[in-house]
Amino acid sequence: MSDLLQKFEMIDNTMAEILRHKTEVERLRIAGRIWKSARVIVRGAILTEHPEWTDQQVNHEIARRMSHGAVK
């Protein structure tokens, strides 16, 4: 399997069927909530690793991790 394909998670058939019945707006809303949840989880991990960091440092690290290193 190529490196590109290994980076994607496959969605199960049940979830795919549920999403097919959602409108574009509903799917975007779901994606936004997932993104927010991911930020909360990443923030918690960073604060556990670096409790001394400022909010600015934490936010920068969140951006770096969630952009797969695109933010320097």
N, C-alpha and C. Protein backbone atom coordinates (compact mmCIF):
# COMPACT_ATOMS: atom_id res chain seq x y z
N MET A 1 0.85 -1.19 0.00
CA MET A 1 0.00 0.00 0.00
C MET A 1 0.89 1.24 0.00
N SER A 2 0.53 2.24 -0.77
CA SER A 2 1.35 3.45 -0.87
C SER A 2 1.28 4.25 0.43
N ASP A 3 2.27 5.12 0.61
CA ASP A 3 2.29 5.98 1.80
C ASP A 3 1.06 6.85 1.88
N LEU A 4 0.58 7.35 0.74
CA LEU A 4 -0.59 8.22 0.71
C LEU A 4 -1.82 7.48 1.23
N LEU A 5 -2.02 6.26 0.77
CA LEU A 5 -3.19 5.50 1.20
C LEU A 5 -3.12 5.14 2.68
N GLN A 6 -1.94 4.96 3.22
CA GLN A 6 -1.79 4.62 4.63
C GLN A 6 -2.19 5.77 5.54
N LYS A 7 -2.23 6.98 5.04
CA LYS A 7 -2.57 8.15 5.85
C LYS A 7 -4.07 8.34 6.00
N PHE A 8 -4.86 7.65 5.20
CA PHE A 8 -6.30 7.82 5.25
C PHE A 8 -6.95 6.71 6.05
N GLU A 9 -7.87 7.10 6.90
CA GLU A 9 -8.67 6.11 7.60
C GLU A 9 -9.87 5.78 6.73
N MET A 10 -10.24 4.54 6.72
CA MET A 10 -11.40 4.13 5.96
C MET A 10 -12.64 4.25 6.84
N ILE A 11 -13.69 4.80 6.29
CA ILE A 11 -14.92 4.95 7.03
C ILE A 11 -15.73 3.66 6.87
N ASP A 12 -16.40 3.25 7.93
CA ASP A 12 -17.17 2.01 7.79
C ASP A 12 -18.48 2.27 7.05
N ASN A 13 -19.07 1.21 6.54
CA ASN A 13 -20.25 1.34 5.69
C ASN A 13 -21.43 1.99 6.39
N THR A 14 -21.61 1.70 7.67
CA THR A 14 -22.73 2.29 8.41
C THR A 14 -22.59 3.80 8.50
N MET A 15 -21.41 4.26 8.84
CA MET A 15 -21.17 5.70 8.95
C MET A 15 -21.29 6.36 7.58
N ALA A 16 -20.78 5.73 6.56
CA ALA A 16 -20.89 6.28 5.21
C ALA A 16 -22.36 6.45 4.81
N GLU A 17 -23.18 5.47 5.13
CA GLU A 17 -24.60 5.55 4.80
C GLU A 17 -25.28 6.70 5.54
N ILE A 18 -24.94 6.87 6.80
CA ILE A 18 -25.50 7.97 7.60
C ILE A 18 -25.10 9.31 6.97
N LEU A 19 -23.84 9.45 6.62
CA LEU A 19 -23.36 10.71 6.06
C LEU A 19 -23.97 11.00 4.69
N ARG A 20 -24.26 9.97 3.91
CA ARG A 20 -24.88 10.17 2.60
C ARG A 20 -26.25 10.84 2.71
N HIS A 21 -26.91 10.65 3.83
CA HIS A 21 -28.24 11.22 4.00
C HIS A 21 -28.21 12.62 4.64
N LYS A 22 -27.03 13.10 4.96
CA LYS A 22 -26.89 14.45 5.51
C LYS A 22 -26.75 15.46 4.38
N THR A 23 -27.19 16.67 4.64
CA THR A 23 -26.99 17.74 3.66
C THR A 23 -25.53 18.20 3.74
N GLU A 24 -25.13 19.00 2.76
CA GLU A 24 -23.76 19.53 2.77
C GLU A 24 -23.51 20.35 4.03
N VAL A 25 -24.49 21.13 4.42
CA VAL A 25 -24.35 21.97 5.62
C VAL A 25 -24.20 21.09 6.87
N GLU A 26 -24.99 20.04 6.95
CA GLU A 26 -24.88 19.15 8.11
C GLU A 26 -23.52 18.47 8.16
N ARG A 27 -23.01 18.05 7.01
CA ARG A 27 -21.68 17.41 6.99
C ARG A 27 -20.59 18.40 7.37
N LEU A 28 -20.71 19.66 6.91
CA LEU A 28 -19.73 20.68 7.31
C LEU A 28 -19.80 20.96 8.80
N ARG A 29 -21.02 20.99 9.34
CA ARG A 29 -21.19 21.21 10.77
C ARG A 29 -20.53 20.08 11.57
N ILE A 30 -20.72 18.86 11.13
CA ILE A 30 -20.11 17.69 11.79
C ILE A 30 -18.58 17.81 11.73
N ALA A 31 -18.06 18.14 10.55
CA ALA A 31 -16.61 18.28 10.39
C ALA A 31 -16.06 19.38 11.31
N GLY A 32 -16.79 20.48 11.41
CA GLY A 32 -16.36 21.56 12.29
C GLY A 32 -16.32 21.14 13.74
N ARG A 33 -17.30 20.38 14.16
CA ARG A 33 -17.33 19.89 15.55
C ARG A 33 -16.19 18.91 15.81
N ILE A 34 -15.92 18.06 14.83
CA ILE A 34 -14.81 17.11 14.97
C ILE A 34 -13.49 17.88 15.10
N TRP A 35 -13.33 18.92 14.27
CA TRP A 35 -12.12 19.74 14.30
C TRP A 35 -11.95 20.41 15.67
N LYS A 36 -13.06 20.97 16.19
CA LYS A 36 -13.02 21.59 17.51
C LYS A 36 -12.65 20.58 18.59
N SER A 37 -13.23 19.40 18.52
CA SER A 37 -12.92 18.35 19.50
C SER A 37 -11.46 17.95 19.42
N ALA A 38 -10.95 17.84 18.21
CA ALA A 38 -9.53 17.49 18.04
C ALA A 38 -8.63 18.55 18.66
N ARG A 39 -8.99 19.82 18.48
CA ARG A 39 -8.19 20.90 19.09
C ARG A 39 -8.18 20.80 20.61
N VAL A 40 -9.33 20.48 21.19
CA VAL A 40 -9.42 20.34 22.65
C VAL A 40 -8.52 19.20 23.12
N ILE A 41 -8.56 18.09 22.41
CA ILE A 41 -7.74 16.93 22.78
C ILE A 41 -6.26 17.25 22.64
N VAL A 42 -5.88 17.89 21.54
CA VAL A 42 -4.48 18.25 21.32
C VAL A 42 -4.03 19.25 22.37
N ARG A 43 -4.88 20.23 22.68
CA ARG A 43 -4.54 21.22 23.72
C ARG A 43 -4.26 20.52 25.05
N GLY A 44 -5.12 19.58 25.42
CA GLY A 44 -4.92 18.85 26.67
C GLY A 44 -3.61 18.09 26.69
N ALA A 45 -3.27 17.47 25.57
CA ALA A 45 -2.01 16.72 25.49
C ALA A 45 -0.82 17.65 25.62
N ILE A 46 -0.89 18.79 24.96
CA ILE A 46 0.22 19.75 25.02
C ILE A 46 0.37 20.30 26.43
N LEU A 47 -0.74 20.65 27.06
CA LEU A 47 -0.66 21.19 28.43
C LEU A 47 -0.15 20.15 29.42
N THR A 48 -0.43 18.89 29.15
CA THR A 48 0.11 17.82 30.01
C THR A 48 1.62 17.72 29.83
N GLU A 49 2.06 17.84 28.59
CA GLU A 49 3.49 17.76 28.29
C GLU A 49 4.25 19.01 28.70
N HIS A 50 3.60 20.17 28.60
CA HIS A 50 4.26 21.46 28.83
C HIS A 50 3.37 22.39 29.65
N PRO A 51 3.15 22.10 30.90
CA PRO A 51 2.25 22.94 31.71
C PRO A 51 2.77 24.37 31.90
N GLU A 52 4.04 24.59 31.65
CA GLU A 52 4.62 25.92 31.84
C GLU A 52 4.45 26.82 30.62
N TRP A 53 3.98 26.30 29.51
CA TRP A 53 3.86 27.09 28.28
C TRP A 53 2.75 28.13 28.39
N THR A 54 2.97 29.25 27.69
CA THR A 54 1.95 30.30 27.61
C THR A 54 0.86 29.86 26.62
N ASP A 55 -0.26 30.58 26.65
CA ASP A 55 -1.33 30.30 25.68
C ASP A 55 -0.83 30.45 24.25
N GLN A 56 0.01 31.44 24.02
CA GLN A 56 0.55 31.66 22.67
C GLN A 56 1.38 30.46 22.23
N GLN A 57 2.22 29.94 23.10
CA GLN A 57 3.03 28.78 22.76
C GLN A 57 2.15 27.55 22.51
N VAL A 58 1.15 27.37 23.36
CA VAL A 58 0.24 26.23 23.21
C VAL A 58 -0.51 26.34 21.88
N ASN A 59 -1.06 27.52 21.57
CA ASN A 59 -1.80 27.70 20.33
C ASN A 59 -0.92 27.47 19.10
N HIS A 60 0.33 27.93 19.18
CA HIS A 60 1.25 27.71 18.07
C HIS A 60 1.50 26.21 17.87
N GLU A 61 1.69 25.50 18.95
CA GLU A 61 1.94 24.06 18.86
C GLU A 61 0.70 23.31 18.36
N ILE A 62 -0.49 23.75 18.78
CA ILE A 62 -1.72 23.15 18.25
C ILE A 62 -1.76 23.33 16.73
N ALA A 63 -1.49 24.54 16.27
CA ALA A 63 -1.49 24.81 14.82
C ALA A 63 -0.46 23.96 14.10
N ARG A 64 0.72 23.83 14.69
CA ARG A 64 1.79 23.04 14.05
C ARG A 64 1.36 21.58 13.93
N ARG A 65 0.84 21.03 15.01
CA ARG A 65 0.46 19.61 14.99
C ARG A 65 -0.72 19.35 14.07
N MET A 66 -1.70 20.24 14.10
CA MET A 66 -2.90 19.98 13.30
C MET A 66 -2.69 20.30 11.83
N SER A 67 -1.62 21.00 11.50
CA SER A 67 -1.30 21.27 10.10
C SER A 67 -0.23 20.31 9.60
N HIS A 68 0.07 19.30 10.41
CA HIS A 68 1.10 18.31 10.05
C HIS A 68 2.44 18.96 9.79
N GLY A 69 2.75 19.99 10.58
CA GLY A 69 4.05 20.64 10.48
C GLY A 69 4.13 21.78 9.49
N ALA A 70 3.03 22.13 8.82
CA ALA A 70 3.08 23.22 7.84
C ALA A 70 3.31 24.56 8.52
N VAL A 71 2.88 24.70 9.77
CA VAL A 71 3.12 25.92 10.54
C VAL A 71 4.47 25.75 11.23
N LYS A 72 5.35 26.69 11.04
CA LYS A 72 6.70 26.60 11.63
C LYS A 72 6.76 27.37 12.91
